[in-house]
């Protein structure tokens, strides 16, 4: 599965997990976090890091998932 496919599935999963946040905002947070890893080695771990950091940012918006 490609990294982008994993990120797209993460958008779907976290959009469901944070129903009080607009899906577009969830997607934006995830894409912003994902962009932080551009050019970094060890791409196989990027989706995990993106998920952890995106959850932290979404929780800072005052919603738990």
N, C-alpha and C. Protein backbone atom coordinates (compact mmCIF):
# COMPACT_ATOMS: atom_id res chain seq x y z
N UNK A 1 0.84 -1.16 0.00
CA UNK A 1 0.00 0.00 0.00
C UNK A 1 0.90 1.24 0.00
N UNK A 2 0.57 2.21 -0.82
CA UNK A 2 1.41 3.40 -0.91
C UNK A 2 1.23 4.29 0.32
N UNK A 3 2.22 5.12 0.55
CA UNK A 3 2.14 6.05 1.68
C UNK A 3 0.91 6.95 1.54
N UNK A 4 0.63 7.43 0.34
CA UNK A 4 -0.52 8.31 0.14
C UNK A 4 -1.83 7.60 0.43
N UNK A 5 -1.93 6.33 0.07
CA UNK A 5 -3.13 5.55 0.37
C UNK A 5 -3.32 5.43 1.87
N UNK A 6 -2.24 5.19 2.60
CA UNK A 6 -2.31 5.09 4.05
C UNK A 6 -2.76 6.42 4.65
N UNK A 7 -2.23 7.52 4.14
CA UNK A 7 -2.62 8.85 4.63
C UNK A 7 -4.09 9.12 4.33
N UNK A 8 -4.55 8.75 3.14
CA UNK A 8 -5.96 8.93 2.79
C UNK A 8 -6.87 8.13 3.72
N UNK A 9 -6.46 6.92 4.06
CA UNK A 9 -7.25 6.10 4.99
C UNK A 9 -7.22 6.71 6.39
N UNK A 10 -6.10 7.32 6.76
CA UNK A 10 -5.99 8.00 8.04
C UNK A 10 -6.97 9.18 8.10
N UNK A 11 -7.08 9.91 7.01
CA UNK A 11 -8.05 11.02 6.95
C UNK A 11 -9.45 10.49 7.22
N UNK A 12 -9.82 9.41 6.58
CA UNK A 12 -11.14 8.81 6.78
C UNK A 12 -11.34 8.38 8.24
N UNK A 13 -10.33 7.70 8.78
CA UNK A 13 -10.44 7.16 10.13
C UNK A 13 -10.53 8.27 11.18
N UNK A 14 -9.67 9.28 11.06
CA UNK A 14 -9.69 10.35 12.05
C UNK A 14 -10.91 11.27 11.87
N UNK A 15 -11.40 11.39 10.65
CA UNK A 15 -12.64 12.16 10.45
C UNK A 15 -13.78 11.50 11.21
N UNK A 16 -13.82 10.17 11.21
CA UNK A 16 -14.84 9.44 11.97
C UNK A 16 -14.57 9.54 13.47
N UNK A 17 -13.32 9.55 13.85
CA UNK A 17 -12.95 9.59 15.26
C UNK A 17 -13.12 10.95 15.91
N UNK A 18 -13.19 11.99 15.09
CA UNK A 18 -13.36 13.36 15.58
C UNK A 18 -14.59 13.97 14.90
N UNK A 19 -15.78 13.46 15.22
CA UNK A 19 -16.98 13.89 14.50
C UNK A 19 -17.36 15.35 14.72
N UNK A 20 -16.88 15.96 15.78
CA UNK A 20 -17.23 17.36 16.02
C UNK A 20 -16.33 18.34 15.26
N UNK A 21 -15.32 17.80 14.56
CA UNK A 21 -14.44 18.64 13.75
C UNK A 21 -14.76 18.37 12.29
N UNK A 22 -14.92 19.43 11.53
CA UNK A 22 -15.22 19.30 10.10
C UNK A 22 -14.19 18.39 9.43
N UNK A 23 -14.64 17.47 8.60
CA UNK A 23 -13.70 16.58 7.90
C UNK A 23 -12.63 17.35 7.11
N UNK A 24 -12.97 18.50 6.58
CA UNK A 24 -11.97 19.29 5.84
C UNK A 24 -10.86 19.78 6.76
N UNK A 25 -11.20 20.09 8.01
CA UNK A 25 -10.19 20.53 8.96
C UNK A 25 -9.31 19.35 9.36
N UNK A 26 -9.92 18.20 9.59
CA UNK A 26 -9.15 16.99 9.91
C UNK A 26 -8.17 16.70 8.77
N UNK A 27 -8.66 16.74 7.55
CA UNK A 27 -7.81 16.48 6.38
C UNK A 27 -6.68 17.50 6.29
N UNK A 28 -6.99 18.76 6.56
CA UNK A 28 -5.98 19.81 6.51
C UNK A 28 -4.90 19.59 7.56
N UNK A 29 -5.30 19.23 8.77
CA UNK A 29 -4.32 18.96 9.83
C UNK A 29 -3.42 17.81 9.42
N UNK A 30 -4.01 16.74 8.93
CA UNK A 30 -3.22 15.58 8.53
C UNK A 30 -2.27 15.92 7.39
N UNK A 31 -2.74 16.64 6.41
CA UNK A 31 -1.88 17.00 5.28
C UNK A 31 -0.76 17.94 5.71
N UNK A 32 -1.05 18.87 6.63
CA UNK A 32 -0.01 19.75 7.14
C UNK A 32 1.05 18.96 7.90
N UNK A 33 0.61 18.04 8.74
CA UNK A 33 1.56 17.21 9.49
C UNK A 33 2.37 16.34 8.52
N UNK A 34 1.70 15.76 7.54
CA UNK A 34 2.39 14.92 6.56
C UNK A 34 3.45 15.72 5.82
N UNK A 35 3.17 16.95 5.48
CA UNK A 35 4.12 17.79 4.75
C UNK A 35 5.40 18.03 5.55
N UNK A 36 5.32 17.97 6.87
CA UNK A 36 6.51 18.16 7.71
C UNK A 36 7.56 17.07 7.48
N UNK A 37 7.12 15.94 6.95
CA UNK A 37 8.02 14.80 6.75
C UNK A 37 8.54 14.69 5.32
N UNK A 38 8.23 15.68 4.48
CA UNK A 38 8.76 15.67 3.11
C UNK A 38 10.28 15.62 3.14
N UNK A 39 10.85 14.76 2.34
CA UNK A 39 12.29 14.66 2.23
C UNK A 39 12.97 13.91 3.36
N UNK A 40 12.20 13.38 4.28
CA UNK A 40 12.79 12.63 5.39
C UNK A 40 12.98 11.17 5.00
N UNK A 41 14.04 10.54 5.53
CA UNK A 41 14.25 9.11 5.23
C UNK A 41 13.29 8.25 6.04
N UNK A 42 13.37 6.96 5.85
CA UNK A 42 12.57 5.98 6.57
C UNK A 42 11.07 6.24 6.39
N UNK A 43 10.64 6.29 5.15
CA UNK A 43 9.26 6.61 4.80
C UNK A 43 8.26 5.62 5.39
N UNK A 44 8.68 4.41 5.70
CA UNK A 44 7.74 3.42 6.21
C UNK A 44 7.14 3.83 7.55
N UNK A 45 7.80 4.71 8.29
CA UNK A 45 7.30 5.14 9.59
C UNK A 45 6.51 6.45 9.53
N UNK A 46 6.53 7.13 8.41
CA UNK A 46 5.88 8.44 8.30
C UNK A 46 4.39 8.38 8.64
N UNK A 47 3.61 7.43 8.12
CA UNK A 47 2.18 7.42 8.48
C UNK A 47 1.94 7.30 10.00
N UNK A 48 2.75 6.54 10.68
CA UNK A 48 2.63 6.43 12.13
C UNK A 48 2.89 7.77 12.81
N UNK A 49 3.96 8.44 12.39
CA UNK A 49 4.28 9.74 12.96
C UNK A 49 3.19 10.77 12.65
N UNK A 50 2.68 10.71 11.43
CA UNK A 50 1.61 11.63 11.03
C UNK A 50 0.38 11.41 11.91
N UNK A 51 0.00 10.16 12.10
CA UNK A 51 -1.19 9.87 12.93
C UNK A 51 -1.01 10.39 14.35
N UNK A 52 0.11 10.11 14.95
CA UNK A 52 0.35 10.56 16.33
C UNK A 52 0.31 12.08 16.43
N UNK A 53 0.99 12.76 15.52
CA UNK A 53 1.03 14.22 15.58
C UNK A 53 -0.31 14.84 15.23
N UNK A 54 -1.03 14.27 14.28
CA UNK A 54 -2.34 14.79 13.91
C UNK A 54 -3.32 14.64 15.06
N UNK A 55 -3.30 13.50 15.75
CA UNK A 55 -4.17 13.31 16.91
C UNK A 55 -3.86 14.35 17.98
N UNK A 56 -2.59 14.59 18.22
CA UNK A 56 -2.21 15.60 19.22
C UNK A 56 -2.75 16.97 18.84
N UNK A 57 -2.64 17.34 17.57
CA UNK A 57 -3.14 18.64 17.13
C UNK A 57 -4.66 18.71 17.21
N UNK A 58 -5.34 17.64 16.83
CA UNK A 58 -6.80 17.62 16.92
C UNK A 58 -7.24 17.69 18.38
N UNK A 59 -6.53 17.02 19.26
CA UNK A 59 -6.87 17.10 20.68
C UNK A 59 -6.66 18.52 21.22
N UNK A 60 -5.66 19.23 20.69
CA UNK A 60 -5.45 20.62 21.10
C UNK A 60 -6.60 21.51 20.67
N UNK A 61 -7.34 21.09 19.67
CA UNK A 61 -8.52 21.84 19.26
C UNK A 61 -9.67 21.66 20.26
N UNK A 62 -9.43 20.86 21.30
CA UNK A 62 -10.39 20.70 22.36
C UNK A 62 -11.31 19.52 22.23
N UNK A 63 -10.96 18.58 21.38
CA UNK A 63 -11.80 17.43 21.15
C UNK A 63 -10.94 16.19 21.34
N UNK A 64 -11.48 15.19 22.01
CA UNK A 64 -10.74 13.94 22.16
C UNK A 64 -11.31 12.91 21.22
N UNK A 65 -10.46 12.04 20.73
CA UNK A 65 -10.89 11.03 19.78
C UNK A 65 -10.50 9.67 20.18
